[in-house]
Amino acid sequence: DHDPSRFVEPDRLRVAFERAGAEVLESRGLNAFATLAYDEAIMLLALLFDRAPRRVAGPFLDASSLVRRVAGPPLVLSEFPWRLLARSNSVLVVARRR
């Protein structure tokens, strides 16, 4: 759900990492609706194909990887308005121990 009151605030997350002794190298919104919907669809299909024989599951994995490489950039671009407004539904924090 994209209720802004439920979003993680990147600044608060950064502070939490720093208080835990980490050096935060980067913090940014990770995705919004389009990539999340794609990822959920792929996970559902992966669960269905998990029980399939290798001759069926293998091509699915190859195809899903190809589709992600092709569809990924347009999906990310479609999320630009949400990212611009800091309305991602997940946050990527890159940190290392001090």
Protein backbone atom coordinates (compact mmCIF):
# COMPACT_ATOMS: atom_id res chain seq x y z
CA ASP A 1 0.00 0.00 0.00
CA HIS A 2 1.30 3.44 -0.86
CA ASP A 3 0.08 5.24 2.23
CA PRO A 4 2.83 7.83 2.88
CA SER A 5 2.36 7.46 6.63
CA ARG A 6 3.68 3.89 6.31
CA PHE A 7 6.83 4.77 4.35
CA VAL A 8 10.20 4.42 5.99
CA GLU A 9 11.82 7.82 6.33
CA PRO A 10 15.31 7.54 4.78
CA ASP A 11 16.80 10.06 7.23
CA ARG A 12 15.53 8.14 10.26
CA LEU A 13 16.86 4.91 8.82
CA ARG A 14 20.24 6.51 8.16
CA VAL A 15 20.38 7.72 11.79
CA ALA A 16 19.46 4.24 13.05
CA PHE A 17 22.33 2.71 11.08
CA GLU A 18 24.77 5.35 12.35
CA ARG A 19 23.66 4.83 15.96
CA ALA A 20 24.31 1.12 15.50
CA GLY A 21 27.88 1.98 14.57
CA ALA A 22 27.71 1.84 10.77
CA GLU A 23 29.07 4.35 8.30
CA VAL A 24 26.30 5.08 5.80
CA LEU A 25 27.73 5.38 2.29
CA GLU A 26 24.46 5.86 0.44
CA SER A 27 20.75 6.04 1.16
CA ARG A 28 18.01 6.38 -1.44
CA GLY A 29 14.55 5.28 -2.42
CA LEU A 30 14.70 1.90 -4.08
CA ASN A 31 11.44 1.42 -5.94
CA ALA A 32 7.82 2.37 -6.17
CA PHE A 33 4.77 0.69 -7.70
CA ALA A 34 5.97 -0.53 -11.12
CA THR A 35 9.04 -2.48 -10.06
CA LEU A 36 7.27 -3.81 -6.98
CA ALA A 37 4.36 -5.11 -9.11
CA TYR A 38 6.82 -6.73 -11.53
CA ASP A 39 8.80 -8.34 -8.70
CA GLU A 40 5.62 -9.69 -7.08
CA ALA A 41 4.43 -11.16 -10.39
CA ILE A 42 7.78 -12.86 -10.97
CA MET A 43 7.80 -14.24 -7.41
CA LEU A 44 4.32 -15.68 -7.89
CA LEU A 45 5.35 -17.29 -11.17
CA ALA A 46 8.57 -18.57 -9.58
CA LEU A 47 6.54 -20.26 -6.86
CA LEU A 48 4.41 -21.94 -9.51
CA PHE A 49 7.45 -23.02 -11.54
CA ASP A 50 9.29 -24.22 -8.42
CA ARG A 51 7.51 -27.55 -8.64
CA ALA A 52 7.98 -27.84 -12.41
CA PRO A 53 10.53 -30.15 -14.00
CA ARG A 54 13.92 -28.60 -14.79
CA ARG A 55 13.19 -28.58 -18.53
CA VAL A 56 10.32 -26.17 -17.80
CA ALA A 57 11.79 -24.20 -14.88
CA GLY A 58 15.14 -23.51 -16.58
CA PRO A 59 13.67 -21.66 -19.57
CA PHE A 60 11.39 -19.71 -17.21
CA LEU A 61 14.42 -18.48 -15.25
CA ASP A 62 16.23 -17.52 -18.46
CA ALA A 63 13.17 -15.71 -19.81
CA SER A 64 12.46 -13.86 -16.57
CA SER A 65 16.06 -12.67 -16.41
CA LEU A 66 15.88 -11.41 -19.99
CA VAL A 67 12.54 -9.70 -19.39
CA ARG A 68 13.94 -7.99 -16.29
CA ARG A 69 16.93 -6.64 -18.24
CA VAL A 70 14.65 -5.32 -20.98
CA ALA A 71 11.75 -4.11 -18.81
CA GLY A 72 13.83 -2.85 -15.89
CA PRO A 73 14.91 0.53 -17.28
CA PRO A 74 11.40 1.58 -18.43
CA LEU A 75 9.93 0.43 -15.10
CA VAL A 76 12.47 2.48 -13.17
CA LEU A 77 11.88 5.48 -15.44
CA SER A 78 8.11 5.22 -14.88
CA GLU A 79 8.75 5.62 -11.15
CA PHE A 80 10.60 8.92 -11.53
CA PRO A 81 7.69 11.06 -10.23
CA TRP A 82 7.47 8.99 -7.03
CA ARG A 83 11.23 9.06 -6.53
CA LEU A 84 11.31 12.80 -7.14
CA LEU A 85 8.77 13.20 -4.32
CA ALA A 86 10.67 10.69 -2.13
CA ARG A 87 7.71 8.30 -2.25
CA SER A 88 9.46 4.97 -2.66
CA ASN A 89 8.06 2.01 -0.79
CA SER A 90 11.51 0.79 0.13
CA VAL A 91 14.86 2.33 0.96
CA LEU A 92 18.30 1.13 -0.04
CA VAL A 93 20.98 1.82 2.56
CA VAL A 94 24.57 0.97 1.74
CA ALA A 95 26.65 0.95 4.91
CA ARG A 96 29.73 -0.63 6.41
CA ARG A 97 30.85 -1.36 9.94
CA ARG A 98 33.19 1.13 11.50
